Amino acid sequence: MPAVAAIVLADAQTTPVNHTFAPLGPDLNGVWWFEDPTVANTIGNQRISIQLTRPGAPSAGDDSSKRICRVKIGIHLPILETLSNSTVSGILPAPTVSYVCRAMMEFILPERSLKAFDRQTLRKYSQNLLANALVTSVIEDLQNIY
């Protein structure tokens, strides 16, 4: 079992900046949360979620075809509304989330899958797929495949 540690990711700016996502701990559903606390208001903090669900204890007569492990990884990027100090009182309004960009990845891993090939290959394919020019264009430029 890996020890919980901060996750460091570089952003996509012209001069990339590393963002450190500190572990917050698991919620009531067993989802581990990590947060980048660099925004002035915590409502705008970027987060990563990681959840692993495993099948229960096997029973006599169970076959491995229905025993599935699932890994769900999420990236949550809240964007705050642009605020101006144009109120009559001169007090800046409370921060408000304008929208949230999210990426959700789920890995469905049969319990009988092999680490040395199956799971490592799936992870590597996923990493390379996200770096692929076609996939990058679909995600970043919102261009459909034709």
Protein backbone atom coordinates (compact mmCIF):
# COMPACT_ATOMS: atom_id res chain seq x y z
CA MET A 1 0.00 0.00 0.00
CA PRO A 2 1.57 3.32 -1.01
CA ALA A 3 2.01 5.97 1.63
CA VAL A 4 -0.05 9.05 0.98
CA ALA A 5 2.03 11.90 -0.38
CA ALA A 6 1.55 15.17 -2.20
CA ILE A 7 1.04 15.01 -5.98
CA VAL A 8 2.95 17.53 -8.12
CA LEU A 9 1.60 18.39 -11.59
CA ALA A 10 2.86 20.99 -14.07
CA ASP A 11 0.20 23.18 -15.67
CA ALA A 12 -0.08 24.01 -19.38
CA GLN A 13 1.05 27.64 -19.24
CA THR A 14 3.77 28.99 -21.56
CA THR A 15 6.13 28.79 -18.61
CA PRO A 16 4.82 25.73 -16.74
CA VAL A 17 4.26 26.07 -13.03
CA ASN A 18 4.28 23.03 -10.75
CA HIS A 19 1.20 22.71 -8.55
CA THR A 20 1.43 20.67 -5.37
CA PHE A 21 -1.77 18.85 -4.42
CA ALA A 22 -1.65 18.11 -0.69
CA PRO A 23 -3.56 15.09 0.62
CA LEU A 24 -6.78 15.96 2.46
CA GLY A 25 -7.81 12.38 3.27
CA PRO A 26 -10.71 10.14 2.32
CA ASP A 27 -14.36 11.20 2.33
CA LEU A 28 -17.26 9.02 3.55
CA ASN A 29 -17.32 7.16 0.19
CA GLY A 30 -13.64 6.20 0.38
CA VAL A 31 -12.58 8.78 -2.23
CA TRP A 32 -9.16 10.24 -1.44
CA TRP A 33 -8.94 14.00 -2.07
CA PHE A 34 -5.85 16.09 -2.82
CA GLU A 35 -5.93 19.89 -2.99
CA ASP A 36 -3.76 22.65 -4.43
CA PRO A 37 -4.14 25.39 -1.79
CA THR A 38 -2.61 28.24 -3.81
CA VAL A 39 -5.86 30.16 -4.43
CA ALA A 40 -6.68 32.88 -1.90
CA ASN A 41 -10.14 31.36 -1.21
CA THR A 42 -10.52 27.63 -0.67
CA ILE A 43 -13.67 27.59 -2.83
CA GLY A 44 -11.36 27.96 -5.84
CA ASN A 45 -8.80 25.30 -4.89
CA GLN A 46 -8.03 22.74 -7.59
CA ARG A 47 -8.53 19.11 -6.51
CA ILE A 48 -7.70 15.55 -7.50
CA SER A 49 -9.87 12.61 -6.45
CA ILE A 50 -8.76 8.97 -6.38
CA GLN A 51 -10.94 5.99 -5.53
CA LEU A 52 -10.17 2.28 -5.59
CA THR A 53 -13.01 -0.19 -5.19
CA ARG A 54 -12.30 -3.89 -4.92
CA PRO A 55 -14.65 -6.86 -4.95
CA GLY A 56 -15.61 -8.36 -1.61
CA ALA A 57 -14.32 -11.63 -0.22
CA PRO A 58 -14.85 -14.49 -2.69
CA SER A 59 -17.36 -17.22 -1.94
CA ALA A 60 -17.31 -20.87 -2.88
CA GLY A 61 -18.32 -21.23 -6.52
CA ASP A 62 -17.41 -17.64 -7.50
CA ASP A 63 -15.66 -17.32 -10.82
CA SER A 64 -13.17 -14.60 -11.57
CA SER A 65 -15.05 -13.20 -14.58
CA LYS A 66 -17.26 -11.05 -12.32
CA ARG A 67 -14.57 -9.91 -9.90
CA ILE A 68 -13.59 -6.40 -10.96
CA CYS A 69 -11.42 -3.70 -9.38
CA ARG A 70 -12.16 -0.11 -10.38
CA VAL A 71 -9.83 2.87 -10.11
CA LYS A 72 -11.48 6.26 -10.63
CA ILE A 73 -9.32 9.36 -10.97
CA GLY A 74 -10.77 12.85 -11.22
CA ILE A 75 -9.29 16.28 -11.78
CA HIS A 76 -11.50 19.17 -10.67
CA LEU A 77 -10.60 22.76 -11.65
CA PRO A 78 -13.06 25.36 -10.28
CA ILE A 79 -12.93 28.75 -12.01
CA LEU A 80 -13.97 31.72 -9.91
CA GLU A 81 -16.25 34.45 -11.21
CA THR A 82 -14.42 37.69 -11.99
CA LEU A 83 -15.37 40.13 -9.25
CA SER A 84 -15.15 43.88 -9.21
CA ASN A 85 -15.27 46.27 -6.31
CA SER A 86 -18.19 48.20 -7.78
CA THR A 87 -20.66 47.68 -4.95
CA VAL A 88 -22.17 50.70 -3.23
CA SER A 89 -20.63 49.70 0.09
CA GLY A 90 -17.16 49.27 -1.48
CA ILE A 91 -16.93 45.77 -0.05
CA LEU A 92 -15.82 43.08 -2.47
CA PRO A 93 -18.52 40.40 -2.93
CA ALA A 94 -17.89 36.86 -1.69
CA PRO A 95 -16.04 34.61 -4.17
CA THR A 96 -18.33 32.56 -6.42
CA VAL A 97 -17.51 29.56 -8.60
CA SER A 98 -18.34 30.39 -12.20
CA TYR A 99 -17.83 26.86 -13.55
CA VAL A 100 -15.78 23.71 -12.93
CA CYS A 101 -13.71 21.88 -15.56
CA ARG A 102 -13.47 18.16 -14.78
CA ALA A 103 -11.75 15.08 -16.15
CA MET A 104 -12.89 11.67 -14.95
CA MET A 105 -10.92 8.54 -15.78
CA GLU A 106 -11.96 5.07 -14.71
CA PHE A 107 -9.81 1.98 -15.01
CA ILE A 108 -11.73 -1.30 -14.93
CA LEU A 109 -9.31 -4.03 -13.92
CA PRO A 110 -10.29 -7.69 -13.64
CA GLU A 111 -8.88 -9.18 -10.47
CA ARG A 112 -7.03 -11.78 -12.53
CA SER A 113 -5.24 -9.16 -14.66
CA LEU A 114 -1.44 -9.17 -14.55
CA LYS A 115 0.52 -6.19 -13.27
CA ALA A 116 3.57 -6.79 -15.46
CA PHE A 117 1.62 -6.51 -18.68
CA ASP A 118 -2.10 -5.82 -18.40
CA ARG A 119 -2.26 -3.03 -15.81
CA GLN A 120 1.07 -1.41 -16.69
CA THR A 121 0.17 -1.42 -20.39
CA LEU A 122 -3.27 0.09 -19.73
CA ARG A 123 -1.74 2.87 -17.61
CA LYS A 124 0.96 3.60 -20.19
CA TYR A 125 -1.57 3.58 -23.04
CA SER A 126 -3.73 6.02 -21.05
CA GLN A 127 -0.79 8.33 -20.40
CA ASN A 128 0.23 8.28 -24.07
CA LEU A 129 -3.36 8.64 -25.26
CA LEU A 130 -3.75 11.85 -23.28
CA ALA A 131 -0.57 13.17 -24.93
CA ASN A 132 -1.76 12.15 -28.44
CA ALA A 133 -2.31 15.08 -30.84
CA LEU A 134 -5.77 13.89 -31.92
CA VAL A 135 -6.97 13.43 -28.34
CA THR A 136 -5.36 16.71 -27.34
CA SER A 137 -7.28 18.47 -30.12
CA VAL A 138 -10.58 16.91 -29.02
CA ILE A 139 -10.03 17.92 -25.36
CA GLU A 140 -8.41 21.34 -25.77
CA ASP A 141 -9.86 22.61 -29.07
CA LEU A 142 -13.24 20.85 -28.74
CA GLN A 143 -12.82 19.53 -32.30
CA ASN A 144 -14.73 16.41 -33.23
CA ILE A 145 -13.11 13.45 -34.98
CA TYR A 146 -14.15 12.98 -38.58
